[in-house]
Amino acid sequence: MESAAYGASLAGGDFNFLHFIKQPQTIVRLLSWVFSVVVFATITAEGYFNNSQENVTKCIFNQNDSACGFGVGVGLLAFLACIIFIILDAYFPQISSATERKKIVIGDLAFSGVWTFFWFICFCVLANQWSHTTEPAIPIDAARAVVAFSFFSIVTWALLTLFAFTRYRQGVSDFDQGYTDPANDRSAPYPATSPYPPYPNSGPEGYQRSPFTPQNPEQSAPYQPPSY
C-alpha cells in the first residue's frame, strides 16, 4: 500500500517515458498546455488592431483592452502551470514520502479547480465582448479561435481537477486503511534507520548481565584447576 499512496504506481522505480506520456492525466495536461498557448499567443499576435479614427491600438473584442489582457494573463499562467505540473507528474512516482505527495496533489487540485473557474470567466467575457463587436476590419478567425479554445480549456482543466480529486481520495482511502509514512512511523518496535532490533536489556535501568555470569547468582561456579 505504501507504493500506491496518492495514485503513484511505483515508489523509487525507473521513469518510463512511454507509460508516462500515455497516461490520461498527461494527455489532458498537454492539451491544456496547447490550448493556453493558442489563447495567449493569438491575442498577443493578432488580438489588437489599429483604430484609424483614434490612431491607437485597440483589442479586437469590442475594443475592450481589459478582455484581451485578462485572456493573455489566464492563458500565460496556465501555460506555466502546465509545465510545472508535467514535471511534477514525471517526478511523482519517485517520491516515497506520502506527505510530499499529498502536498503536490492538493496543490494540483486547488490550482486546477481555480483555473477551471478562471477559464469559464474568460470564455464568458470574450464571448460576450465578441458578440458586441461591430468593427469590420479585424481578424475574425483569430477572435473565434480564442473564444473556442477558451471553451476547450474549461473542459480540460475540469478533467484535471477530477483527476487530482481522484488521486486525493485514493490517498485518503489508503490512510484510512492503515497506511503510515515510513519517515513518520513512531510505532515501530525499533527505529527505522536500524535494520536490527535492540539488544534485550535486563536488570534495573538497562543493566546487561555478563555472558559469563552463572544463572543463579547465589551459587558460584566450581573452581576447575587447569590440567597439566
Protein backbone atom coordinates (compact mmCIF):
# COMPACT_ATOMS: atom_id res chain seq x y z
CA MET A 1 0.00 0.00 0.00
CA GLU A 2 2.96 2.30 0.55
CA SER A 3 3.77 2.36 -3.16
CA ALA A 4 0.24 3.35 -4.14
CA ALA A 5 -0.19 6.40 -1.91
CA TYR A 6 -1.97 9.22 -3.77
CA GLY A 7 -2.02 7.39 -7.07
CA ALA A 8 1.68 6.62 -7.54
CA SER A 9 2.13 3.28 -9.26
CA LEU A 10 5.75 2.95 -8.11
CA ALA A 11 7.94 4.38 -5.40
CA GLY A 12 11.54 4.72 -6.45
CA GLY A 13 11.12 2.89 -9.76
CA ASP A 14 12.66 3.80 -13.08
CA PHE A 15 10.98 6.51 -15.18
CA ASN A 16 9.11 5.06 -18.17
CA PHE A 17 8.51 7.82 -20.71
CA LEU A 18 6.10 5.82 -22.90
CA HIS A 19 3.99 4.85 -19.90
CA PHE A 20 4.02 8.43 -18.64
CA ILE A 21 3.04 10.01 -21.97
CA LYS A 22 0.13 7.56 -22.40
CA GLN A 23 -1.47 8.37 -19.07
CA PRO A 24 -4.84 10.19 -19.41
CA GLN A 25 -3.75 12.91 -16.99
CA THR A 26 -0.61 13.60 -19.02
CA ILE A 27 -2.56 13.74 -22.29
CA VAL A 28 -5.13 16.16 -20.87
CA ARG A 29 -2.42 18.31 -19.34
CA LEU A 30 -0.60 18.52 -22.67
CA LEU A 31 -3.87 19.52 -24.36
CA SER A 32 -4.36 22.21 -21.73
CA TRP A 33 -0.85 23.43 -22.44
CA VAL A 34 -1.56 23.65 -26.20
CA PHE A 35 -4.88 25.41 -25.67
CA SER A 36 -3.30 28.01 -23.38
CA VAL A 37 -0.61 28.69 -25.98
CA VAL A 38 -3.26 29.22 -28.66
CA VAL A 39 -5.21 31.66 -26.47
CA PHE A 40 -2.46 33.95 -25.20
CA ALA A 41 -0.30 33.73 -28.33
CA THR A 42 -3.22 34.52 -30.65
CA ILE A 43 -4.29 37.51 -28.57
CA THR A 44 -0.72 38.76 -28.36
CA ALA A 45 -0.09 38.40 -32.10
CA GLU A 46 -3.50 39.22 -33.62
CA GLY A 47 -5.66 40.41 -30.77
CA TYR A 48 -5.15 44.12 -31.38
CA PHE A 49 -5.86 46.34 -34.36
CA ASN A 50 -5.05 49.94 -35.20
CA ASN A 51 -8.09 52.16 -34.81
CA SER A 52 -7.77 54.69 -37.62
CA GLN A 53 -10.21 57.12 -36.03
CA GLU A 54 -8.39 57.43 -32.72
CA ASN A 55 -4.98 56.31 -34.08
CA VAL A 56 -4.49 53.92 -31.16
CA THR A 57 -4.28 50.15 -30.83
CA LYS A 58 -7.45 48.51 -29.57
CA CYS A 59 -8.47 44.99 -28.61
CA ILE A 60 -10.41 43.08 -31.25
CA PHE A 61 -13.03 42.13 -28.64
CA ASN A 62 -15.23 45.21 -28.76
CA GLN A 63 -12.16 47.40 -28.30
CA ASN A 64 -12.06 46.26 -24.67
CA ASP A 65 -8.40 46.07 -23.69
CA SER A 66 -9.31 44.51 -20.33
CA ALA A 67 -10.78 41.49 -22.11
CA CYS A 68 -7.59 40.92 -24.09
CA GLY A 69 -5.43 41.47 -21.02
CA PHE A 70 -7.46 39.00 -18.97
CA GLY A 71 -7.24 36.37 -21.71
CA VAL A 72 -3.47 36.80 -22.01
CA GLY A 73 -2.99 36.60 -18.24
CA VAL A 74 -5.09 33.46 -17.76
CA GLY A 75 -3.52 31.75 -20.77
CA LEU A 76 0.06 32.62 -19.83
CA LEU A 77 -0.29 31.46 -16.22
CA ALA A 78 -1.99 28.27 -17.39
CA PHE A 79 0.90 27.67 -19.79
CA LEU A 80 3.48 28.00 -17.00
CA ALA A 81 1.43 25.89 -14.58
CA CYS A 82 1.11 23.07 -17.11
CA ILE A 83 4.89 22.92 -17.48
CA ILE A 84 5.40 22.82 -13.70
CA PHE A 85 2.78 20.13 -13.12
CA ILE A 86 4.03 17.99 -16.01
CA ILE A 87 7.48 17.99 -14.37
CA LEU A 88 5.91 17.12 -11.01
CA ASP A 89 3.87 14.33 -12.60
CA ALA A 90 7.03 12.83 -14.06
CA TYR A 91 8.84 13.07 -10.71
CA PHE A 92 5.83 11.96 -8.65
CA PRO A 93 6.46 8.16 -8.72
CA GLN A 94 9.96 8.72 -7.36
CA ILE A 95 8.66 10.37 -4.18
CA SER A 96 8.45 7.92 -1.30
CA SER A 97 7.11 10.36 1.30
CA ALA A 98 3.32 10.37 1.46
CA THR A 99 3.38 13.86 2.98
CA GLU A 100 5.14 15.35 -0.05
CA ARG A 101 2.78 13.51 -2.40
CA LYS A 102 -0.19 14.90 -0.52
CA LYS A 103 1.09 18.47 -0.86
CA ILE A 104 1.56 18.05 -4.62
CA VAL A 105 -1.88 16.52 -5.11
CA ILE A 106 -3.61 19.21 -3.03
CA GLY A 107 -1.75 21.92 -4.94
CA ASP A 108 -2.78 20.36 -8.24
CA LEU A 109 -6.39 20.05 -7.08
CA ALA A 110 -6.60 23.64 -5.85
CA PHE A 111 -4.94 25.20 -8.90
CA SER A 112 -6.90 23.13 -11.41
CA GLY A 113 -10.19 23.99 -9.72
CA VAL A 114 -9.40 27.72 -9.62
CA TRP A 115 -8.22 27.76 -13.23
CA THR A 116 -11.33 25.93 -14.41
CA PHE A 117 -13.30 28.81 -12.92
CA PHE A 118 -10.96 31.42 -14.46
CA TRP A 119 -11.27 29.84 -17.91
CA PHE A 120 -15.06 29.91 -17.54
CA ILE A 121 -14.94 33.62 -16.73
CA CYS A 122 -12.50 34.20 -19.60
CA PHE A 123 -14.79 32.42 -22.06
CA CYS A 124 -17.86 34.33 -20.89
CA VAL A 125 -16.08 37.70 -21.10
CA LEU A 126 -14.56 37.08 -24.54
CA ALA A 127 -17.75 35.60 -25.98
CA ASN A 128 -19.82 38.50 -24.64
CA GLN A 129 -17.43 41.14 -25.97
CA TRP A 130 -17.19 39.38 -29.32
CA SER A 131 -20.98 39.37 -29.67
CA HIS A 132 -20.95 43.17 -29.30
CA THR A 133 -18.05 43.76 -31.69
CA THR A 134 -19.03 45.80 -34.75
CA GLU A 135 -15.61 46.71 -36.13
CA PRO A 136 -15.32 45.07 -39.59
CA ALA A 137 -11.55 45.35 -40.07
CA ILE A 138 -10.50 42.72 -37.51
CA PRO A 139 -9.15 39.16 -37.85
CA ILE A 140 -12.35 37.19 -37.36
CA ASP A 141 -10.68 33.78 -37.42
CA ALA A 142 -8.30 34.79 -34.64
CA ALA A 143 -11.13 36.02 -32.43
CA ARG A 144 -13.14 32.85 -32.99
CA ALA A 145 -10.11 30.68 -32.22
CA VAL A 146 -9.54 32.48 -28.92
CA VAL A 147 -13.17 32.03 -27.87
CA ALA A 148 -13.25 28.38 -28.96
CA PHE A 149 -10.03 27.36 -27.22
CA SER A 150 -11.08 29.21 -24.10
CA PHE A 151 -14.11 26.94 -24.01
CA PHE A 152 -11.98 23.84 -24.67
CA SER A 153 -9.74 24.88 -21.77
CA ILE A 154 -12.73 24.77 -19.41
CA VAL A 155 -13.22 21.10 -20.29
CA THR A 156 -9.57 20.08 -19.99
CA TRP A 157 -8.98 21.88 -16.70
CA ALA A 158 -12.20 20.40 -15.29
CA LEU A 159 -10.83 16.95 -16.18
CA LEU A 160 -7.53 17.80 -14.48
CA THR A 161 -9.49 18.79 -11.39
CA LEU A 162 -11.29 15.45 -11.49
CA PHE A 163 -8.01 13.53 -11.86
CA ALA A 164 -6.45 15.41 -8.93
CA PHE A 165 -9.53 14.82 -6.78
CA THR A 166 -9.42 11.10 -7.60
CA ARG A 167 -5.77 10.90 -6.55
CA TYR A 168 -6.56 12.80 -3.36
CA ARG A 169 -9.44 10.47 -2.49
CA GLN A 170 -7.24 7.46 -3.18
CA GLY A 171 -4.58 8.77 -0.83
CA VAL A 172 -7.13 9.44 1.92
CA SER A 173 -8.52 5.93 1.45
CA ASP A 174 -5.03 4.45 1.80
CA PHE A 175 -4.51 6.27 5.09
CA ASP A 176 -7.92 5.13 6.35
CA GLN A 177 -6.86 1.54 5.72
CA GLY A 178 -3.81 1.93 7.92
CA TYR A 179 -1.15 3.47 5.70
CA THR A 180 1.70 5.10 7.60
CA ASP A 181 4.53 7.15 6.24
CA PRO A 182 7.80 5.30 6.96
CA ALA A 183 9.52 8.61 7.70
CA ASN A 184 6.99 9.44 10.44
CA ASP A 185 6.22 5.96 11.76
CA ARG A 186 6.83 6.05 15.54
CA SER A 187 5.01 2.81 16.30
CA ALA A 188 7.79 0.58 15.02
CA PRO A 189 9.44 -1.65 17.66
CA TYR A 190 12.81 -0.13 16.82
CA PRO A 191 13.99 2.90 14.82
CA ALA A 192 13.51 2.73 11.06
CA THR A 193 17.15 3.58 10.48
CA SER A 194 18.36 0.44 12.28
CA PRO A 195 17.91 -2.90 10.48
CA TYR A 196 18.33 -4.88 13.71
CA PRO A 197 16.29 -4.97 16.94
CA PRO A 198 17.98 -3.63 20.09
CA TYR A 199 19.83 -6.00 22.41
CA PRO A 200 17.43 -7.14 25.16
CA ASN A 201 18.16 -5.46 28.47
CA SER A 202 17.75 -6.96 31.91
CA GLY A 203 18.05 -5.67 35.41
CA PRO A 204 17.42 -2.18 36.71
CA GLU A 205 18.00 0.78 34.38
CA GLY A 206 19.08 -1.31 31.46
CA TYR A 207 21.86 -3.28 33.23
CA GLN A 208 23.04 -6.13 30.99
CA ARG A 209 24.14 -9.39 32.59
CA SER A 210 27.60 -10.56 31.67
CA PRO A 211 27.53 -13.63 29.41
CA PHE A 212 29.95 -15.40 31.81
CA THR A 213 27.81 -14.83 34.92
CA PRO A 214 26.08 -18.02 36.17
CA GLN A 215 22.32 -18.14 36.00
CA ASN A 216 21.96 -18.39 39.83
CA PRO A 217 23.94 -15.61 41.47
CA GLU A 218 23.82 -17.39 44.91
CA GLN A 219 25.75 -20.39 43.61
CA SER A 220 29.23 -19.66 42.45
CA ALA A 221 30.75 -21.71 39.69
CA PRO A 222 33.01 -24.52 40.98
CA TYR A 223 36.70 -23.96 40.59
CA GLN A 224 38.25 -26.08 37.89
CA PRO A 225 42.03 -26.48 38.26
CA PRO A 226 43.89 -26.38 35.00
CA SER A 227 45.07 -29.70 33.70
CA TYR A 228 48.78 -30.14 33.00
